[in-house]
Amino acid sequence: MYGKAAFAQMMAMMRKADMPMPWAQMHKVRCPTMLTWGRDDRVSPLDMALIPMRTIPNAELHVFPNCGHWAMIEAKAAFESVVLAFLRRGDAT
């Protein structure tokens, strides 16, 4: 699912698509945005969070320690706590 061949196919499909690459449209997001990342993610390493974090206005990043790609499963309680706090804030409604 996340192998080099799958990634190559995804990139080829996006290049052929009649629309901009997803990261070229991130600046259009206008709502408060929370990015969650596992520090030890081997599928999407932490440095991949830099583009959305810097491109999406009002984005914030929460990094879960000792956690891989599935933060919502691997750090369930911490993930739920962080997300609920974000959603309950006044600017996230």
N, C-alpha and C. Protein backbone atom coordinates (compact mmCIF):
# COMPACT_ATOMS: atom_id res chain seq x y z
N MET A 1 0.82 -1.20 0.00
CA MET A 1 0.00 0.00 0.00
C MET A 1 0.86 1.26 0.00
N TYR A 2 1.98 1.23 0.71
CA TYR A 2 2.82 2.41 0.80
C TYR A 2 4.19 2.20 0.17
N GLY A 3 4.33 1.23 -0.71
CA GLY A 3 5.61 0.94 -1.31
C GLY A 3 6.01 1.96 -2.36
N LYS A 4 7.23 1.82 -2.85
CA LYS A 4 7.75 2.73 -3.87
C LYS A 4 6.92 2.68 -5.14
N ALA A 5 6.47 1.49 -5.52
CA ALA A 5 5.67 1.36 -6.74
C ALA A 5 4.34 2.09 -6.61
N ALA A 6 3.69 1.95 -5.45
CA ALA A 6 2.42 2.65 -5.23
C ALA A 6 2.62 4.15 -5.25
N PHE A 7 3.70 4.61 -4.63
CA PHE A 7 3.98 6.05 -4.61
C PHE A 7 4.24 6.55 -6.03
N ALA A 8 5.00 5.80 -6.82
CA ALA A 8 5.28 6.19 -8.20
C ALA A 8 3.99 6.27 -9.02
N GLN A 9 3.09 5.30 -8.82
CA GLN A 9 1.82 5.33 -9.54
C GLN A 9 0.97 6.53 -9.13
N MET A 10 0.96 6.83 -7.83
CA MET A 10 0.20 7.98 -7.35
C MET A 10 0.74 9.28 -7.96
N MET A 11 2.06 9.42 -7.98
CA MET A 11 2.67 10.63 -8.55
C MET A 11 2.38 10.72 -10.05
N ALA A 12 2.46 9.62 -10.76
CA ALA A 12 2.16 9.62 -12.20
C ALA A 12 0.71 10.04 -12.44
N MET A 13 -0.20 9.52 -11.62
CA MET A 13 -1.61 9.88 -11.76
C MET A 13 -1.82 11.38 -11.51
N MET A 14 -1.16 11.90 -10.47
CA MET A 14 -1.33 13.33 -10.15
C MET A 14 -0.75 14.21 -11.26
N ARG A 15 0.37 13.79 -11.86
CA ARG A 15 0.96 14.57 -12.96
C ARG A 15 0.04 14.64 -14.16
N LYS A 16 -0.71 13.56 -14.42
CA LYS A 16 -1.62 13.50 -15.56
C LYS A 16 -2.95 14.20 -15.27
N ALA A 17 -3.25 14.42 -14.02
CA ALA A 17 -4.55 15.00 -13.63
C ALA A 17 -4.67 16.43 -14.15
N ASP A 18 -5.90 16.82 -14.39
CA ASP A 18 -6.18 18.17 -14.89
C ASP A 18 -6.46 19.12 -13.73
N MET A 19 -5.57 19.08 -12.74
CA MET A 19 -5.70 19.96 -11.58
C MET A 19 -4.33 20.13 -10.94
N PRO A 20 -4.15 21.17 -10.15
CA PRO A 20 -2.85 21.37 -9.48
C PRO A 20 -2.58 20.28 -8.45
N MET A 21 -1.31 20.10 -8.14
CA MET A 21 -0.93 19.16 -7.10
C MET A 21 -1.57 19.59 -5.78
N PRO A 22 -1.91 18.65 -4.91
CA PRO A 22 -2.59 19.01 -3.65
C PRO A 22 -1.84 20.06 -2.83
N TRP A 23 -0.52 19.94 -2.73
CA TRP A 23 0.24 20.88 -1.92
C TRP A 23 0.27 22.27 -2.53
N ALA A 24 -0.06 22.40 -3.82
CA ALA A 24 -0.11 23.71 -4.45
C ALA A 24 -1.41 24.45 -4.13
N GLN A 25 -2.33 23.78 -3.45
CA GLN A 25 -3.61 24.39 -3.11
C GLN A 25 -3.79 24.59 -1.61
N MET A 26 -2.81 24.19 -0.82
CA MET A 26 -2.94 24.27 0.63
C MET A 26 -3.15 25.69 1.14
N HIS A 27 -2.61 26.66 0.45
CA HIS A 27 -2.75 28.05 0.89
C HIS A 27 -4.20 28.53 0.84
N LYS A 28 -5.06 27.78 0.17
CA LYS A 28 -6.46 28.16 0.05
C LYS A 28 -7.29 27.76 1.27
N VAL A 29 -6.76 26.90 2.12
CA VAL A 29 -7.49 26.46 3.30
C VAL A 29 -7.62 27.66 4.24
N ARG A 30 -8.83 27.99 4.64
CA ARG A 30 -9.06 29.18 5.45
C ARG A 30 -9.52 28.88 6.87
N CYS A 31 -9.86 27.66 7.16
CA CYS A 31 -10.31 27.33 8.53
C CYS A 31 -9.11 26.92 9.38
N PRO A 32 -9.23 27.08 10.68
CA PRO A 32 -8.16 26.59 11.56
C PRO A 32 -7.91 25.10 11.29
N THR A 33 -6.67 24.73 11.23
CA THR A 33 -6.31 23.37 10.83
C THR A 33 -5.32 22.77 11.82
N MET A 34 -5.60 21.57 12.26
CA MET A 34 -4.67 20.86 13.13
C MET A 34 -4.05 19.72 12.34
N LEU A 35 -2.74 19.69 12.33
CA LEU A 35 -1.99 18.60 11.73
C LEU A 35 -1.49 17.72 12.86
N THR A 36 -1.68 16.43 12.76
CA THR A 36 -1.17 15.52 13.78
C THR A 36 -0.16 14.59 13.12
N TRP A 37 0.92 14.31 13.84
CA TRP A 37 1.99 13.51 13.26
C TRP A 37 2.60 12.63 14.33
N GLY A 38 2.98 11.44 13.97
CA GLY A 38 3.74 10.58 14.85
C GLY A 38 5.23 10.84 14.63
N ARG A 39 5.95 11.09 15.68
CA ARG A 39 7.38 11.42 15.56
C ARG A 39 8.16 10.33 14.85
N ASP A 40 7.74 9.08 15.01
CA ASP A 40 8.47 7.97 14.44
C ASP A 40 7.81 7.39 13.19
N ASP A 41 7.02 8.21 12.51
CA ASP A 41 6.30 7.78 11.31
C ASP A 41 7.31 7.47 10.20
N ARG A 42 7.28 6.23 9.70
CA ARG A 42 8.18 5.85 8.61
C ARG A 42 7.48 5.94 7.26
N VAL A 43 6.18 6.10 7.25
CA VAL A 43 5.43 6.26 6.00
C VAL A 43 5.49 7.71 5.55
N SER A 44 5.19 8.61 6.47
CA SER A 44 5.24 10.06 6.21
C SER A 44 6.13 10.66 7.29
N PRO A 45 7.44 10.71 7.05
CA PRO A 45 8.35 11.24 8.07
C PRO A 45 7.98 12.65 8.50
N LEU A 46 8.40 13.00 9.69
CA LEU A 46 8.03 14.27 10.30
C LEU A 46 8.34 15.48 9.42
N ASP A 47 9.42 15.43 8.67
CA ASP A 47 9.75 16.59 7.83
C ASP A 47 8.71 16.85 6.75
N MET A 48 7.86 15.86 6.46
CA MET A 48 6.78 16.07 5.49
C MET A 48 5.70 17.00 6.05
N ALA A 49 5.70 17.23 7.34
CA ALA A 49 4.72 18.14 7.95
C ALA A 49 5.07 19.60 7.70
N LEU A 50 6.29 19.87 7.30
CA LEU A 50 6.73 21.26 7.14
C LEU A 50 5.95 22.01 6.06
N ILE A 51 5.70 21.38 4.93
CA ILE A 51 4.99 22.08 3.85
C ILE A 51 3.57 22.46 4.27
N PRO A 52 2.75 21.50 4.74
CA PRO A 52 1.41 21.94 5.16
C PRO A 52 1.44 22.91 6.33
N MET A 53 2.37 22.71 7.26
CA MET A 53 2.43 23.59 8.43
C MET A 53 2.74 25.04 8.01
N ARG A 54 3.61 25.20 7.06
CA ARG A 54 4.00 26.55 6.62
C ARG A 54 3.09 27.12 5.55
N THR A 55 2.35 26.27 4.88
CA THR A 55 1.53 26.73 3.75
C THR A 55 0.09 27.00 4.14
N ILE A 56 -0.47 26.20 5.03
CA ILE A 56 -1.87 26.38 5.42
C ILE A 56 -1.95 27.50 6.47
N PRO A 57 -2.68 28.57 6.15
CA PRO A 57 -2.84 29.63 7.15
C PRO A 57 -3.55 29.05 8.40
N ASN A 58 -3.18 29.51 9.55
CA ASN A 58 -3.78 29.07 10.81
C ASN A 58 -3.62 27.58 11.08
N ALA A 59 -2.56 26.98 10.56
CA ALA A 59 -2.29 25.56 10.84
C ALA A 59 -1.42 25.44 12.08
N GLU A 60 -1.67 24.39 12.83
CA GLU A 60 -0.80 24.08 13.95
C GLU A 60 -0.48 22.59 13.89
N LEU A 61 0.68 22.25 14.40
CA LEU A 61 1.15 20.88 14.33
C LEU A 61 1.30 20.30 15.73
N HIS A 62 0.78 19.11 15.92
CA HIS A 62 1.01 18.40 17.18
C HIS A 62 1.73 17.10 16.83
N VAL A 63 2.88 16.90 17.44
CA VAL A 63 3.68 15.70 17.20
C VAL A 63 3.57 14.78 18.41
N PHE A 64 3.20 13.55 18.17
CA PHE A 64 3.06 12.56 19.23
C PHE A 64 4.37 11.78 19.36
N PRO A 65 4.98 11.77 20.56
CA PRO A 65 6.22 11.02 20.75
C PRO A 65 5.95 9.51 20.78
N ASN A 66 6.96 8.76 20.45
CA ASN A 66 6.86 7.29 20.48
C ASN A 66 5.66 6.79 19.70
N CYS A 67 5.45 7.37 18.53
CA CYS A 67 4.26 7.07 17.75
C CYS A 67 4.63 7.05 16.27
N GLY A 68 4.04 6.10 15.54
CA GLY A 68 4.30 5.99 14.11
C GLY A 68 3.21 6.66 13.28
N HIS A 69 2.82 6.00 12.20
CA HIS A 69 1.89 6.58 11.23
C HIS A 69 0.45 6.67 11.73
N TRP A 70 0.05 5.78 12.60
CA TRP A 70 -1.35 5.73 13.02
C TRP A 70 -1.51 6.34 14.41
N ALA A 71 -1.30 7.63 14.52
CA ALA A 71 -1.36 8.33 15.82
C ALA A 71 -2.70 8.11 16.51
N MET A 72 -3.77 8.08 15.74
CA MET A 72 -5.10 7.95 16.35
C MET A 72 -5.32 6.57 16.97
N ILE A 73 -4.48 5.61 16.60
CA ILE A 73 -4.56 4.27 17.17
C ILE A 73 -3.44 4.06 18.20
N GLU A 74 -2.23 4.44 17.81
CA GLU A 74 -1.06 4.20 18.66
C GLU A 74 -1.04 5.06 19.92
N ALA A 75 -1.61 6.26 19.83
CA ALA A 75 -1.66 7.17 20.98
C ALA A 75 -3.10 7.65 21.14
N LYS A 76 -4.02 6.70 21.20
CA LYS A 76 -5.46 7.00 21.16
C LYS A 76 -5.90 8.05 22.17
N ALA A 77 -5.57 7.87 23.42
CA ALA A 77 -6.03 8.82 24.45
C ALA A 77 -5.44 10.21 24.24
N ALA A 78 -4.16 10.27 23.96
CA ALA A 78 -3.51 11.57 23.73
C ALA A 78 -4.07 12.23 22.47
N PHE A 79 -4.28 11.44 21.43
CA PHE A 79 -4.84 11.97 20.18
C PHE A 79 -6.23 12.56 20.42
N GLU A 80 -7.07 11.80 21.09
CA GLU A 80 -8.43 12.28 21.37
C GLU A 80 -8.41 13.54 22.22
N SER A 81 -7.53 13.61 23.19
CA SER A 81 -7.43 14.78 24.05
C SER A 81 -7.03 16.02 23.26
N VAL A 82 -6.02 15.88 22.42
CA VAL A 82 -5.52 17.00 21.62
C VAL A 82 -6.57 17.46 20.61
N VAL A 83 -7.19 16.53 19.94
CA VAL A 83 -8.19 16.88 18.92
C VAL A 83 -9.43 17.51 19.57
N LEU A 84 -9.90 16.95 20.66
CA LEU A 84 -11.07 17.53 21.33
C LEU A 84 -10.77 18.94 21.84
N ALA A 85 -9.59 19.15 22.39
CA ALA A 85 -9.22 20.50 22.85
C ALA A 85 -9.20 21.47 21.67
N PHE A 86 -8.69 21.04 20.54
CA PHE A 86 -8.66 21.88 19.34
C PHE A 86 -10.08 22.21 18.88
N LEU A 87 -10.92 21.22 18.84
CA LEU A 87 -12.30 21.43 18.35
C LEU A 87 -13.13 22.28 19.31
N ARG A 88 -12.81 22.24 20.59
CA ARG A 88 -13.58 23.00 21.57
C ARG A 88 -13.14 24.45 21.68
N ARG A 89 -12.00 24.77 21.12
CA ARG A 89 -11.54 26.16 21.18
C ARG A 89 -12.46 27.05 20.35
N GLY A 90 -12.56 28.28 20.71
CA GLY A 90 -13.42 29.21 20.00
C GLY A 90 -13.08 29.42 18.55
N ASP A 91 -11.78 29.40 18.21
CA ASP A 91 -11.39 29.67 16.83
C ASP A 91 -11.52 28.45 15.92
N ALA A 92 -11.86 27.31 16.48
CA ALA A 92 -11.98 26.08 15.69
C ALA A 92 -13.44 25.75 15.39
N THR A 93 -14.33 26.69 15.61
CA THR A 93 -15.74 26.40 15.34
C THR A 93 -16.20 27.06 14.08
